[in-house]
N, C-alpha and C. Protein backbone atom coordinates (compact mmCIF):
# COMPACT_ATOMS: atom_id res chain seq x y z
N UNK A 1 24.23 14.20 5.94
CA UNK A 1 24.12 13.49 4.69
C UNK A 1 23.41 12.16 4.95
N UNK A 2 22.39 11.79 4.11
CA UNK A 2 21.66 10.53 4.32
C UNK A 2 22.56 9.33 4.08
N UNK A 3 22.27 8.26 4.79
CA UNK A 3 23.03 7.03 4.65
C UNK A 3 22.64 6.34 3.34
N UNK A 4 23.56 6.21 2.36
CA UNK A 4 23.21 5.60 1.07
C UNK A 4 22.96 4.10 1.17
N UNK A 5 23.36 3.48 2.27
CA UNK A 5 23.13 2.04 2.44
C UNK A 5 21.80 1.75 3.14
N UNK A 6 21.12 2.79 3.61
CA UNK A 6 19.84 2.59 4.30
C UNK A 6 18.78 2.16 3.29
N UNK A 7 17.90 1.26 3.72
CA UNK A 7 16.82 0.79 2.85
C UNK A 7 15.82 1.91 2.60
N UNK A 8 15.33 1.95 1.37
CA UNK A 8 14.31 2.93 1.02
C UNK A 8 13.00 2.56 1.73
N UNK A 9 12.21 3.57 2.12
CA UNK A 9 10.94 3.26 2.77
C UNK A 9 10.01 2.55 1.79
N UNK A 10 9.20 1.62 2.27
CA UNK A 10 8.30 0.90 1.37
C UNK A 10 7.28 1.86 0.76
N UNK A 11 6.90 1.56 -0.47
CA UNK A 11 5.89 2.37 -1.16
C UNK A 11 4.54 2.17 -0.47
N UNK A 12 3.85 3.24 -0.22
CA UNK A 12 2.52 3.15 0.36
C UNK A 12 1.54 2.73 -0.73
N UNK A 13 0.64 1.82 -0.38
CA UNK A 13 -0.36 1.36 -1.34
C UNK A 13 -1.42 2.44 -1.47
N UNK A 14 -1.84 2.76 -2.71
CA UNK A 14 -2.87 3.79 -2.87
C UNK A 14 -4.19 3.34 -2.25
N UNK A 15 -5.03 4.30 -1.95
CA UNK A 15 -6.35 3.98 -1.41
C UNK A 15 -7.16 3.29 -2.51
N UNK A 16 -7.88 2.21 -2.18
CA UNK A 16 -8.66 1.52 -3.20
C UNK A 16 -9.81 2.38 -3.70
N UNK A 17 -10.10 2.25 -5.00
CA UNK A 17 -11.23 2.95 -5.58
C UNK A 17 -12.53 2.23 -5.27
N UNK A 18 -12.42 0.92 -5.02
CA UNK A 18 -13.58 0.09 -4.74
C UNK A 18 -13.06 -1.18 -4.06
N UNK A 19 -13.82 -1.72 -3.12
CA UNK A 19 -13.46 -2.98 -2.47
C UNK A 19 -14.48 -4.03 -2.89
N UNK A 20 -13.98 -5.14 -3.44
CA UNK A 20 -14.85 -6.20 -3.95
C UNK A 20 -14.49 -7.49 -3.24
N UNK A 21 -15.48 -8.11 -2.55
CA UNK A 21 -15.26 -9.40 -1.90
C UNK A 21 -15.46 -10.50 -2.93
N UNK A 22 -14.55 -11.47 -2.93
CA UNK A 22 -14.60 -12.55 -3.92
C UNK A 22 -14.46 -13.91 -3.24
N UNK A 23 -14.86 -14.97 -3.96
CA UNK A 23 -14.80 -16.34 -3.45
C UNK A 23 -13.63 -17.13 -3.98
N UNK A 24 -12.90 -16.59 -4.95
CA UNK A 24 -11.84 -17.32 -5.61
C UNK A 24 -10.53 -16.55 -5.53
N UNK A 25 -9.41 -17.27 -5.51
CA UNK A 25 -8.11 -16.63 -5.47
C UNK A 25 -7.69 -16.04 -6.81
N UNK A 26 -8.37 -16.40 -7.89
CA UNK A 26 -8.09 -15.84 -9.20
C UNK A 26 -9.27 -14.97 -9.61
N UNK A 27 -9.00 -13.71 -9.91
CA UNK A 27 -10.05 -12.78 -10.30
C UNK A 27 -9.65 -12.07 -11.59
N UNK A 28 -10.64 -11.63 -12.33
CA UNK A 28 -10.40 -10.86 -13.55
C UNK A 28 -10.89 -9.44 -13.31
N UNK A 29 -10.15 -8.46 -13.81
CA UNK A 29 -10.55 -7.07 -13.67
C UNK A 29 -10.37 -6.37 -15.01
N UNK A 30 -11.41 -5.64 -15.43
CA UNK A 30 -11.31 -4.84 -16.65
C UNK A 30 -11.63 -3.38 -16.37
N UNK A 31 -11.69 -3.03 -15.10
CA UNK A 31 -11.95 -1.65 -14.72
C UNK A 31 -13.40 -1.24 -14.76
N UNK A 32 -14.27 -2.11 -15.30
CA UNK A 32 -15.68 -1.77 -15.42
C UNK A 32 -15.88 -0.66 -16.43
N UNK A 33 -17.03 -0.12 -16.50
CA UNK A 33 -17.36 1.02 -17.37
C UNK A 33 -17.16 0.72 -18.85
N UNK A 34 -17.24 -0.53 -19.28
CA UNK A 34 -17.16 -0.86 -20.70
C UNK A 34 -15.89 -0.35 -21.36
N UNK A 35 -16.06 0.44 -22.41
CA UNK A 35 -14.92 0.95 -23.18
C UNK A 35 -14.06 1.92 -22.37
N UNK A 36 -14.58 2.43 -21.26
CA UNK A 36 -13.82 3.37 -20.43
C UNK A 36 -12.96 2.65 -19.39
N UNK A 37 -13.00 1.32 -19.38
CA UNK A 37 -12.22 0.54 -18.42
C UNK A 37 -10.77 0.42 -18.87
N UNK A 38 -10.16 -0.74 -18.63
CA UNK A 38 -8.78 -1.00 -19.02
C UNK A 38 -8.69 -2.42 -19.56
N UNK A 39 -7.55 -2.82 -20.12
CA UNK A 39 -7.43 -4.20 -20.60
C UNK A 39 -7.70 -5.19 -19.47
N UNK A 40 -8.36 -6.30 -19.79
CA UNK A 40 -8.66 -7.30 -18.77
C UNK A 40 -7.36 -7.94 -18.28
N UNK A 41 -7.22 -7.98 -16.96
CA UNK A 41 -6.08 -8.64 -16.34
C UNK A 41 -6.60 -9.68 -15.36
N UNK A 42 -5.86 -10.77 -15.22
CA UNK A 42 -6.19 -11.80 -14.25
C UNK A 42 -5.21 -11.67 -13.10
N UNK A 43 -5.75 -11.58 -11.90
CA UNK A 43 -4.95 -11.37 -10.70
C UNK A 43 -5.08 -12.57 -9.79
N UNK A 44 -4.01 -12.95 -9.16
CA UNK A 44 -4.00 -14.05 -8.19
C UNK A 44 -3.88 -13.46 -6.79
N UNK A 45 -4.74 -13.89 -5.88
CA UNK A 45 -4.71 -13.41 -4.50
C UNK A 45 -3.83 -14.36 -3.70
N UNK A 46 -2.60 -13.95 -3.39
CA UNK A 46 -1.70 -14.85 -2.67
C UNK A 46 -2.02 -14.96 -1.18
N UNK A 47 -2.53 -13.91 -0.60
CA UNK A 47 -2.84 -13.91 0.83
C UNK A 47 -4.30 -13.61 1.07
N UNK A 48 -4.57 -12.39 1.51
CA UNK A 48 -5.94 -11.97 1.84
C UNK A 48 -6.55 -11.06 0.76
N UNK A 49 -5.70 -10.30 0.06
CA UNK A 49 -6.24 -9.37 -0.94
C UNK A 49 -5.20 -9.07 -2.01
N UNK A 50 -5.68 -8.46 -3.09
CA UNK A 50 -4.81 -8.01 -4.17
C UNK A 50 -5.44 -6.77 -4.79
N UNK A 51 -4.59 -5.82 -5.21
CA UNK A 51 -5.08 -4.59 -5.81
C UNK A 51 -4.76 -4.58 -7.30
N UNK A 52 -5.72 -4.18 -8.11
CA UNK A 52 -5.51 -4.07 -9.55
C UNK A 52 -4.52 -2.94 -9.82
N UNK A 53 -3.48 -3.23 -10.60
CA UNK A 53 -2.47 -2.19 -10.88
C UNK A 53 -2.97 -1.09 -11.80
N UNK A 54 -4.07 -1.34 -12.52
CA UNK A 54 -4.62 -0.32 -13.42
C UNK A 54 -5.57 0.64 -12.72
N UNK A 55 -6.58 0.08 -12.01
CA UNK A 55 -7.66 0.92 -11.51
C UNK A 55 -7.75 0.99 -9.99
N UNK A 56 -6.87 0.31 -9.28
CA UNK A 56 -6.80 0.31 -7.82
C UNK A 56 -8.03 -0.29 -7.14
N UNK A 57 -8.77 -1.15 -7.86
CA UNK A 57 -9.83 -1.91 -7.18
C UNK A 57 -9.14 -2.91 -6.26
N UNK A 58 -9.68 -3.08 -5.07
CA UNK A 58 -9.12 -4.01 -4.10
C UNK A 58 -10.02 -5.24 -4.04
N UNK A 59 -9.47 -6.40 -4.38
CA UNK A 59 -10.20 -7.66 -4.32
C UNK A 59 -9.81 -8.35 -3.02
N UNK A 60 -10.83 -8.59 -2.17
CA UNK A 60 -10.62 -9.18 -0.84
C UNK A 60 -11.27 -10.55 -0.81
N UNK A 61 -10.52 -11.54 -0.36
CA UNK A 61 -11.03 -12.90 -0.26
C UNK A 61 -12.00 -13.00 0.91
N UNK A 62 -13.20 -13.54 0.65
CA UNK A 62 -14.18 -13.73 1.71
C UNK A 62 -13.67 -14.75 2.71
N UNK A 63 -14.06 -14.64 3.98
CA UNK A 63 -13.64 -15.63 4.98
C UNK A 63 -14.05 -17.03 4.57
N UNK A 64 -13.13 -17.98 4.68
CA UNK A 64 -13.41 -19.37 4.35
C UNK A 64 -13.33 -19.69 2.88
N UNK A 65 -13.11 -18.70 2.03
CA UNK A 65 -13.02 -18.91 0.59
C UNK A 65 -11.56 -19.02 0.19
N UNK A 66 -11.35 -19.42 -1.04
CA UNK A 66 -10.00 -19.41 -1.60
C UNK A 66 -9.20 -20.66 -1.40
N UNK A 67 -9.86 -21.78 -1.10
CA UNK A 67 -9.12 -23.02 -0.96
C UNK A 67 -8.92 -23.70 -2.30
N UNK A 68 -9.32 -23.02 -3.39
CA UNK A 68 -9.14 -23.59 -4.72
C UNK A 68 -7.66 -23.69 -5.03
N UNK A 69 -7.33 -24.59 -5.89
CA UNK A 69 -5.93 -24.78 -6.25
C UNK A 69 -5.75 -24.51 -7.74
N UNK A 70 -6.48 -23.51 -8.25
CA UNK A 70 -6.40 -23.16 -9.67
C UNK A 70 -5.02 -22.65 -10.05
N UNK A 71 -4.82 -22.55 -11.30
CA UNK A 71 -3.51 -22.11 -11.81
C UNK A 71 -3.49 -20.64 -12.06
């Protein structure tokens, strides 16, 4: 019988559909493709990268970028 107190394994991140290098920690994503995209969302890159929850685009901070202190 499995241990009910054991931690669940972490969710694996899906493979990105596209990798986009950016200069800012705040990015906007609408999925591209005009009307075939998704609602525009603004994502904050806390570390090195962030993945869009709608379309799985991966936004990667370029080396030396991201020292902005935007909100």
